[in-house]
Amino acid sequence: MTETLVVIPTYNEAGNVESVVRRVLTAVPGADVLVVDDGSPDGTGALADTLAAAESRVHVLHRPGKGGLGRAYLAGFDWGLRRPYDVLVQMDADGSHLPEQLPTLLTALADADLVLGSRWVPGGSVENWPRSREVLSRGGNRYARMALGLDLRDSTGGFRAWRRAALQAVDLDGVASQGYCFQVDLARRAAQAGIHVVEVPIRFVERVRGESKMSNAIVGEAIWRVSVWGVRYRLRQARSGLRRLGAGRY
């Protein structure tokens, strides 16, 4: 069994899945790939099965229908953690996360428990994004930093490498978020668990085939959940401060 598993959720990515999987296998020859397909009506799952039949390092997990990005990743993590992989990687299937940058994330994992591929640290970049998407991403990350006290520049990014022990230390059973705030949820849980997180710059490229899954509902879920988490975080801080004040009186 190889030590690294790259988990790639898919929904209607027939135009991208073969290229992305082959590029991953080339970039990291020792890695396995798990495609988690949510019953894509465009045949993505069947294409992934064809790849798996031809290459022993490719595996496919079929889910009955579109259940959200978060649930797809959790299913992939569960599959990987039930096997002896040491490292689990998250990445998108649309080509925006460049497989050729995987070695950079894996190298950085030597001194970290979780490595985030970041668009917003020095050296990071985005290509072919409209200004509105950049403003939304930068603003969302700034809000998450302020609301949750996260010392991260890109907590919404989904290109990540986890050590097995770090992923097991996160309370995955308590994760309910579905859309892109799933990434923020895991980042805050990692911080709460005391996991050592490192950000490395990546070049993020807008997809050239297929349709983006971003929607107003996804943005709305992210704002609502981060706000709720932020209130809880501030309340915990306040209670902790009161306990310290109380202890100082005696």
Protein backbone atom coordinates (compact mmCIF):
# COMPACT_ATOMS: atom_id res chain seq x y z
CA MET A 1 0.00 0.00 0.00
CA THR A 2 1.36 3.42 -0.93
CA GLU A 3 1.50 6.06 1.79
CA THR A 4 -0.37 8.93 0.07
CA LEU A 5 -4.01 9.05 -0.99
CA VAL A 6 -5.32 11.95 -3.09
CA VAL A 7 -9.08 12.38 -2.59
CA ILE A 8 -10.88 14.03 -5.52
CA PRO A 9 -14.66 14.62 -5.23
CA THR A 10 -16.51 14.86 -8.54
CA TYR A 11 -19.89 15.91 -9.81
CA ASN A 12 -20.28 16.41 -13.56
CA GLU A 13 -16.55 16.60 -14.25
CA ALA A 14 -16.42 14.32 -17.29
CA GLY A 15 -14.37 16.90 -19.18
CA ASN A 16 -11.72 17.12 -16.45
CA VAL A 17 -11.46 13.94 -14.39
CA GLU A 18 -9.22 11.89 -16.71
CA SER A 19 -6.70 14.68 -17.22
CA VAL A 20 -6.54 15.56 -13.53
CA VAL A 21 -6.12 11.95 -12.38
CA ARG A 22 -3.38 11.23 -14.92
CA ARG A 23 -1.54 14.40 -13.95
CA VAL A 24 -1.71 13.44 -10.27
CA LEU A 25 -0.26 10.00 -11.01
CA THR A 26 2.56 11.61 -12.97
CA ALA A 27 3.29 14.32 -10.37
CA VAL A 28 3.35 11.89 -7.43
CA PRO A 29 4.22 8.41 -8.76
CA GLY A 30 3.90 6.84 -5.31
CA ALA A 31 0.37 8.10 -4.62
CA ASP A 32 -3.04 6.49 -4.97
CA VAL A 33 -6.08 8.43 -6.16
CA LEU A 34 -9.63 8.08 -4.86
CA VAL A 35 -12.36 9.62 -7.03
CA VAL A 36 -15.51 10.20 -4.96
CA ASP A 37 -18.33 10.60 -7.46
CA ASP A 38 -21.78 11.77 -6.41
CA GLY A 39 -23.76 9.99 -9.12
CA SER A 40 -22.74 12.43 -11.85
CA PRO A 41 -25.36 12.33 -14.65
CA ASP A 42 -22.69 13.22 -17.23
CA GLY A 43 -20.87 9.90 -16.83
CA THR A 44 -17.95 11.07 -14.67
CA GLY A 45 -18.24 7.98 -12.49
CA ALA A 46 -18.06 5.62 -15.48
CA LEU A 47 -14.96 7.42 -16.76
CA ALA A 48 -13.36 7.05 -13.34
CA ASP A 49 -14.18 3.34 -13.37
CA THR A 50 -12.42 3.01 -16.72
CA LEU A 51 -9.34 4.71 -15.28
CA ALA A 52 -9.42 2.42 -12.25
CA ALA A 53 -9.69 -0.68 -14.43
CA ALA A 54 -6.54 0.34 -16.28
CA GLU A 55 -4.51 1.62 -13.30
CA SER A 56 -4.30 -0.12 -9.92
CA ARG A 57 -3.48 3.18 -8.16
CA VAL A 58 -6.89 4.63 -9.04
CA HIS A 59 -9.95 3.83 -6.93
CA VAL A 60 -13.55 5.00 -7.20
CA LEU A 61 -16.13 5.52 -4.49
CA HIS A 62 -19.66 5.89 -5.88
CA ARG A 63 -22.24 7.80 -3.87
CA PRO A 64 -25.93 7.64 -4.80
CA GLY A 65 -26.47 11.33 -5.51
CA LYS A 66 -25.26 14.88 -5.07
CA GLY A 67 -24.72 15.17 -1.33
CA GLY A 68 -22.41 18.16 -1.15
CA LEU A 69 -18.67 18.71 -1.16
CA GLY A 70 -18.32 18.22 2.58
CA ARG A 71 -20.04 14.83 2.64
CA ALA A 72 -18.02 13.67 -0.36
CA TYR A 73 -14.75 14.54 1.38
CA LEU A 74 -15.85 12.91 4.62
CA ALA A 75 -16.69 9.72 2.73
CA GLY A 76 -13.29 9.84 1.05
CA PHE A 77 -11.48 10.43 4.34
CA ASP A 78 -13.34 7.52 5.92
CA TRP A 79 -12.33 5.27 3.01
CA GLY A 80 -8.70 6.33 3.33
CA LEU A 81 -8.51 6.10 7.12
CA ARG A 82 -9.77 2.54 6.99
CA ARG A 83 -6.63 1.75 4.99
CA PRO A 84 -2.99 2.29 6.02
CA TYR A 85 -2.34 5.61 4.27
CA ASP A 86 -0.03 8.01 6.10
CA VAL A 87 -1.04 11.13 4.14
CA LEU A 88 -4.42 12.19 2.76
CA VAL A 89 -4.68 15.00 0.22
CA GLN A 90 -7.71 17.08 -0.78
CA MET A 91 -8.00 18.62 -4.24
CA ASP A 92 -10.62 19.71 -6.76
CA ALA A 93 -11.38 17.86 -9.97
CA ASP A 94 -11.84 20.90 -12.18
CA GLY A 95 -8.16 21.61 -12.86
CA SER A 96 -7.98 24.70 -10.67
CA HIS A 97 -5.62 22.89 -8.29
CA LEU A 98 -2.54 22.04 -10.31
CA PRO A 99 -1.38 18.44 -9.67
CA GLU A 100 2.16 19.53 -10.52
CA GLN A 101 2.18 21.48 -7.22
CA LEU A 102 1.42 18.40 -5.13
CA PRO A 103 5.12 17.71 -4.43
CA THR A 104 5.38 21.19 -2.88
CA LEU A 105 2.57 20.44 -0.43
CA LEU A 106 3.95 17.02 0.41
CA THR A 107 7.46 18.37 0.98
CA ALA A 108 6.10 21.03 3.36
CA LEU A 109 4.32 18.28 5.31
CA ALA A 110 7.72 17.21 6.66
CA ASP A 111 7.49 20.13 9.12
CA ALA A 112 3.72 20.32 9.58
CA ASP A 113 0.62 18.30 10.40
CA LEU A 114 -1.54 20.06 7.81
CA VAL A 115 -0.41 21.98 4.73
CA LEU A 116 -2.76 24.43 3.02
CA GLY A 117 -2.16 25.45 -0.56
CA SER A 118 -2.77 29.20 -0.30
CA ARG A 119 -3.69 31.74 -2.96
CA TRP A 120 -3.33 34.69 -0.60
CA VAL A 121 0.13 34.32 0.94
CA PRO A 122 3.14 35.95 -0.77
CA GLY A 123 3.89 34.00 -3.93
CA GLY A 124 0.33 32.71 -4.29
CA SER A 125 -1.83 33.77 -7.23
CA VAL A 126 -5.09 33.26 -9.11
CA GLU A 127 -5.52 33.23 -12.88
CA ASN A 128 -8.55 34.08 -15.01
CA TRP A 129 -10.78 34.97 -12.10
CA PRO A 130 -13.23 37.85 -12.43
CA ARG A 131 -12.64 40.65 -9.96
CA SER A 132 -15.90 39.77 -8.16
CA ARG A 133 -14.65 36.24 -7.32
CA GLU A 134 -11.35 37.58 -6.00
CA VAL A 135 -13.12 40.14 -3.82
CA LEU A 136 -15.47 37.42 -2.52
CA SER A 137 -12.59 35.06 -1.67
CA ARG A 138 -10.37 37.69 -0.06
CA GLY A 139 -13.30 39.12 1.88
CA GLY A 140 -14.49 35.70 3.02
CA ASN A 141 -11.05 34.76 4.27
CA ARG A 142 -10.63 38.08 6.07
CA TYR A 143 -14.02 37.59 7.75
CA ALA A 144 -13.09 34.04 8.82
CA ARG A 145 -9.81 35.30 10.29
CA MET A 146 -11.55 38.01 12.29
CA ALA A 147 -14.55 35.96 13.39
CA LEU A 148 -12.68 32.78 14.32
CA GLY A 149 -9.27 34.08 15.30
CA LEU A 150 -7.61 31.97 12.59
CA ASP A 151 -4.01 32.79 11.77
CA LEU A 152 -4.52 31.71 8.16
CA ARG A 153 -4.67 33.69 4.92
CA ASP A 154 -6.64 31.10 2.91
CA SER A 155 -8.90 28.99 5.11
CA THR A 156 -11.42 28.56 2.27
CA GLY A 157 -8.98 26.86 -0.11
CA GLY A 158 -9.41 23.15 -0.77
CA PHE A 159 -5.91 22.08 -1.82
CA ARG A 160 -4.56 20.44 1.35
CA ALA A 161 -2.31 17.67 2.63
CA TRP A 162 -3.00 16.05 6.00
CA ARG A 163 -0.96 13.74 8.12
CA ARG A 164 -3.10 10.77 9.09
CA ALA A 165 -2.82 11.52 12.82
CA ALA A 166 -3.86 15.13 12.29
CA LEU A 167 -6.99 14.17 10.38
CA GLN A 168 -7.86 11.64 13.06
CA ALA A 169 -7.45 14.34 15.72
CA VAL A 170 -10.16 16.46 14.10
CA ASP A 171 -13.76 15.76 15.14
CA LEU A 172 -14.98 14.70 11.70
CA ASP A 173 -18.18 13.22 13.12
CA GLY A 174 -19.27 16.70 14.18
CA VAL A 175 -18.85 18.27 10.74
CA ALA A 176 -22.18 19.34 9.24
CA SER A 177 -21.06 21.97 6.72
CA GLN A 178 -21.55 21.09 3.07
CA GLY A 179 -20.32 23.78 0.67
CA TYR A 180 -17.06 25.68 0.59
CA CYS A 181 -17.38 26.56 4.28
CA PHE A 182 -16.49 22.91 4.84
CA GLN A 183 -12.89 24.00 4.29
CA VAL A 184 -13.20 26.73 6.94
CA ASP A 185 -14.81 24.22 9.29
CA LEU A 186 -11.87 21.81 9.01
CA ALA A 187 -9.36 24.66 9.38
CA ARG A 188 -10.96 25.90 12.61
CA ARG A 189 -11.20 22.36 13.96
CA ALA A 190 -7.53 21.82 13.20
CA ALA A 191 -6.69 25.03 15.08
CA GLN A 192 -8.80 23.96 18.05
CA ALA A 193 -7.02 20.58 18.09
CA GLY A 194 -3.62 22.27 18.25
CA ILE A 195 -2.56 20.93 14.87
CA HIS A 196 0.50 22.59 13.33
CA VAL A 197 -0.71 24.21 10.10
CA VAL A 198 1.53 25.64 7.38
CA GLU A 199 0.46 27.59 4.29
CA VAL A 200 2.42 27.33 1.04
CA PRO A 201 1.79 29.50 -2.02
CA ILE A 202 -0.01 27.96 -4.99
CA ARG A 203 -1.09 29.11 -8.42
CA PHE A 204 -4.85 28.69 -8.69
CA VAL A 205 -6.26 28.53 -12.23
CA GLU A 206 -9.93 29.02 -13.06
CA ARG A 207 -11.51 25.98 -14.71
CA VAL A 208 -11.61 25.92 -18.52
CA ARG A 209 -14.21 23.14 -18.86
CA GLY A 210 -17.48 22.53 -17.04
CA GLU A 211 -19.46 24.76 -14.72
CA SER A 212 -18.50 26.17 -11.34
CA LYS A 213 -20.43 24.78 -8.36
CA MET A 214 -20.40 28.19 -6.63
CA SER A 215 -23.87 29.53 -5.89
CA ASN A 216 -25.66 32.06 -3.69
CA ALA A 217 -26.78 29.20 -1.44
CA ILE A 218 -23.17 28.14 -0.88
CA VAL A 219 -22.13 31.70 -0.06
CA GLY A 220 -25.10 32.08 2.25
CA GLU A 221 -24.28 28.86 4.11
CA ALA A 222 -20.68 30.02 4.58
CA ILE A 223 -21.66 33.42 5.98
CA TRP A 224 -24.23 31.92 8.34
CA ARG A 225 -22.04 29.12 9.66
CA VAL A 226 -18.91 31.24 10.09
CA SER A 227 -20.97 33.84 11.96
CA VAL A 228 -22.37 31.19 14.32
CA TRP A 229 -18.91 29.69 14.88
CA GLY A 230 -17.56 33.19 15.47
CA VAL A 231 -20.11 33.93 18.20
CA ARG A 232 -19.29 30.64 19.90
CA TYR A 233 -15.56 31.35 19.65
CA ARG A 234 -15.97 34.80 21.23
CA LEU A 235 -18.16 33.38 24.01
CA ARG A 236 -15.51 30.76 24.82
CA GLN A 237 -12.91 33.51 24.92
CA ALA A 238 -15.07 35.58 27.26
CA ARG A 239 -15.71 32.64 29.60
CA SER A 240 -12.00 31.82 29.65
CA GLY A 241 -11.19 35.43 30.51
CA LEU A 242 -13.72 35.46 33.34
CA ARG A 243 -12.29 32.24 34.76
CA ARG A 244 -8.80 33.74 34.74
CA LEU A 245 -10.06 36.87 36.46
CA GLY A 246 -11.84 34.77 39.07
CA ALA A 247 -8.75 32.66 39.73
CA GLY A 248 -6.68 35.81 40.17
CA ARG A 249 -8.78 37.00 43.09
CA TYR A 250 -7.69 34.21 45.36
